[in-house]
Amino acid sequence: MRIMGLDFGSKTVGVAISDALLLTAQGVEIIRRKEENKLRQTLARIEELIVEYEVEEIVLGLPKHMNATEGVRVELTQEFKEKLERRTGLPVYFWDERLTTVAADKIMMEAGIRREHRKEHVDRIAATLILQGYLDRRNMRKEETIGENHV
């Protein structure tokens, strides 16, 4: 089993996939589309990746504002989630993505990636951070449950 992480943007979708042990997330690709509301090819590519990597669930970044309010991007992301669930039949979970783009930018700066090249990588790295956060929380909860059973 693997989990897919997605960073849904207006023109791109960053994709990350977990390892089989559900411990680490790896950035896979950035799906680009010509128009914001054209999702057929994007969904088809996501389906191909689901089959290729044997994905059983999806984590989708939820782009709330820093003050936790929801804007137009949240609404569009919720619509995308519904389309994903209908088309793939897989469960899709939201993950708060606030600061993932900032963190992705910092990672690229530290890696020495020049500013003009960062845009090529930011969505894939953001998807990786979304998925890694989800995996870490999931594994932490699993450990807490195991600890409770041994008390």
Protein backbone atom coordinates (compact mmCIF):
# COMPACT_ATOMS: atom_id res chain seq x y z
CA MET A 1 0.00 0.00 0.00
CA ARG A 2 1.09 3.53 -0.75
CA ILE A 3 -0.38 6.97 -0.18
CA MET A 4 -0.38 9.81 -2.71
CA GLY A 5 0.06 13.44 -1.69
CA LEU A 6 -1.23 16.25 -3.91
CA ASP A 7 -0.61 20.00 -3.92
CA PHE A 8 -3.49 21.35 -6.05
CA GLY A 9 -2.81 24.72 -7.64
CA SER A 10 -4.46 26.85 -10.29
CA LYS A 11 -2.19 25.60 -13.10
CA THR A 12 -0.28 22.71 -11.56
CA VAL A 13 -0.67 19.72 -9.27
CA GLY A 14 2.39 18.59 -7.35
CA VAL A 15 2.48 14.83 -6.76
CA ALA A 16 4.28 12.84 -4.08
CA ILE A 17 4.11 9.13 -3.24
CA SER A 18 4.91 7.34 0.01
CA ASP A 19 7.23 4.40 0.29
CA ALA A 20 5.61 0.98 0.85
CA LEU A 21 6.25 1.18 4.62
CA LEU A 22 4.40 4.55 4.80
CA LEU A 23 7.40 6.24 6.42
CA THR A 24 8.69 8.67 3.79
CA ALA A 25 7.31 10.79 0.97
CA GLN A 26 9.05 11.29 -2.37
CA GLY A 27 8.18 13.93 -4.93
CA VAL A 28 7.20 12.30 -8.22
CA GLU A 29 6.17 15.00 -10.68
CA ILE A 30 4.29 18.17 -11.40
CA ILE A 31 1.21 17.86 -13.58
CA ARG A 32 0.73 21.05 -15.61
CA ARG A 33 -2.47 22.13 -17.30
CA LYS A 34 -3.16 24.89 -19.79
CA GLU A 35 -6.40 26.13 -18.21
CA GLU A 36 -7.41 26.16 -14.55
CA ASN A 37 -10.82 24.53 -15.04
CA LYS A 38 -9.59 21.80 -17.44
CA LEU A 39 -9.08 18.77 -15.20
CA ARG A 40 -9.76 15.74 -17.42
CA GLN A 41 -6.11 15.15 -18.37
CA THR A 42 -4.96 15.95 -14.83
CA LEU A 43 -7.33 13.37 -13.35
CA ALA A 44 -6.32 10.83 -16.02
CA ARG A 45 -2.63 11.29 -15.12
CA ILE A 46 -3.39 10.93 -11.41
CA GLU A 47 -5.23 7.68 -12.17
CA GLU A 48 -2.19 6.39 -14.10
CA LEU A 49 0.06 7.17 -11.12
CA ILE A 50 -2.40 5.48 -8.73
CA VAL A 51 -2.18 2.27 -10.76
CA GLU A 52 1.59 2.51 -11.26
CA TYR A 53 2.34 3.01 -7.55
CA GLU A 54 -0.55 0.93 -6.15
CA VAL A 55 -1.97 3.89 -4.21
CA GLU A 56 -4.81 3.19 -1.78
CA GLU A 57 -5.48 6.65 -0.38
CA ILE A 58 -4.84 10.29 -1.24
CA VAL A 59 -3.88 13.30 0.87
CA LEU A 60 -4.80 16.66 -0.60
CA GLY A 61 -3.38 19.93 0.66
CA LEU A 62 -6.07 22.34 1.92
CA PRO A 63 -4.98 25.93 1.21
CA LYS A 64 -6.43 27.85 4.17
CA HIS A 65 -5.38 31.43 4.80
CA MET A 66 -2.89 32.02 7.62
CA ASN A 67 -5.74 33.18 9.90
CA ALA A 68 -7.51 29.81 9.23
CA THR A 69 -10.24 31.34 7.06
CA GLU A 70 -11.22 29.71 3.81
CA GLY A 71 -11.13 31.45 0.45
CA VAL A 72 -11.84 30.63 -3.18
CA ARG A 73 -8.88 28.21 -3.39
CA VAL A 74 -10.38 26.09 -0.58
CA GLU A 75 -13.67 25.90 -2.47
CA LEU A 76 -11.91 24.83 -5.68
CA THR A 77 -9.86 22.28 -3.75
CA GLN A 78 -13.01 20.82 -2.18
CA GLU A 79 -14.52 20.45 -5.66
CA PHE A 80 -11.31 18.76 -6.84
CA LYS A 81 -11.49 16.37 -3.87
CA GLU A 82 -15.02 15.33 -4.85
CA LYS A 83 -13.93 14.72 -8.46
CA LEU A 84 -10.95 12.67 -7.27
CA GLU A 85 -13.11 10.51 -5.02
CA ARG A 86 -15.71 9.93 -7.74
CA ARG A 87 -13.16 9.14 -10.42
CA THR A 88 -10.73 7.00 -8.40
CA GLY A 89 -12.98 5.45 -5.76
CA LEU A 90 -10.22 6.11 -3.20
CA PRO A 91 -10.58 7.99 0.08
CA VAL A 92 -9.20 11.54 -0.10
CA TYR A 93 -8.15 13.31 3.11
CA PHE A 94 -7.36 16.99 3.56
CA TRP A 95 -4.10 18.16 5.12
CA ASP A 96 -3.55 21.76 6.19
CA GLU A 97 -0.94 23.03 3.75
CA ARG A 98 -0.28 26.43 5.30
CA LEU A 99 3.43 27.25 5.09
CA THR A 100 4.31 24.27 2.85
CA THR A 101 5.20 26.57 -0.05
CA VAL A 102 7.31 28.71 2.31
CA ALA A 103 9.03 25.57 3.62
CA ALA A 104 9.56 24.28 0.07
CA ASP A 105 11.15 27.59 -0.90
CA LYS A 106 13.46 27.42 2.12
CA ILE A 107 14.49 23.86 1.24
CA MET A 108 15.36 24.93 -2.29
CA MET A 109 17.33 27.96 -1.05
CA GLU A 110 19.33 25.72 1.29
CA ALA A 111 19.92 23.28 -1.58
CA GLY A 112 21.33 26.12 -3.68
CA ILE A 113 18.59 26.10 -6.32
CA ARG A 114 18.59 29.47 -8.04
CA ARG A 115 15.48 31.62 -7.61
CA GLU A 116 14.59 31.47 -11.33
CA HIS A 117 14.55 27.65 -11.20
CA ARG A 118 12.56 27.22 -7.98
CA LYS A 119 9.19 27.51 -9.68
CA GLU A 120 9.99 24.28 -11.56
CA HIS A 121 10.18 22.34 -8.28
CA VAL A 122 8.02 24.09 -5.67
CA ASP A 123 4.75 22.17 -6.24
CA ARG A 124 6.42 18.75 -6.13
CA ILE A 125 8.26 19.67 -2.93
CA ALA A 126 5.07 21.12 -1.40
CA ALA A 127 3.25 17.85 -2.20
CA THR A 128 6.09 15.95 -0.52
CA LEU A 129 5.81 18.12 2.60
CA ILE A 130 2.00 17.66 2.70
CA LEU A 131 2.34 13.89 2.44
CA GLN A 132 5.25 13.69 4.90
CA GLY A 133 3.27 15.66 7.49
CA TYR A 134 0.34 13.30 7.05
CA LEU A 135 2.57 10.20 7.30
CA ASP A 136 4.28 11.52 10.43
CA ARG A 137 0.94 12.24 12.13
CA ARG A 138 -0.44 8.85 11.07
CA ASN A 139 2.60 7.00 12.42
CA MET A 140 2.61 9.03 15.65
CA ARG A 141 -1.04 8.12 16.27
CA LYS A 142 -0.26 4.47 15.58
CA GLU A 143 2.57 4.59 18.17
CA GLU A 144 0.27 6.27 20.72
CA THR A 145 -2.34 3.54 20.21
CA ILE A 146 0.29 0.83 20.66
CA GLY A 147 1.53 2.55 23.84
CA GLU A 148 -2.00 2.75 25.26
CA ASN A 149 -2.49 -0.98 24.72
CA HIS A 150 0.67 -1.81 26.68
CA VAL A 151 -0.03 0.32 29.76
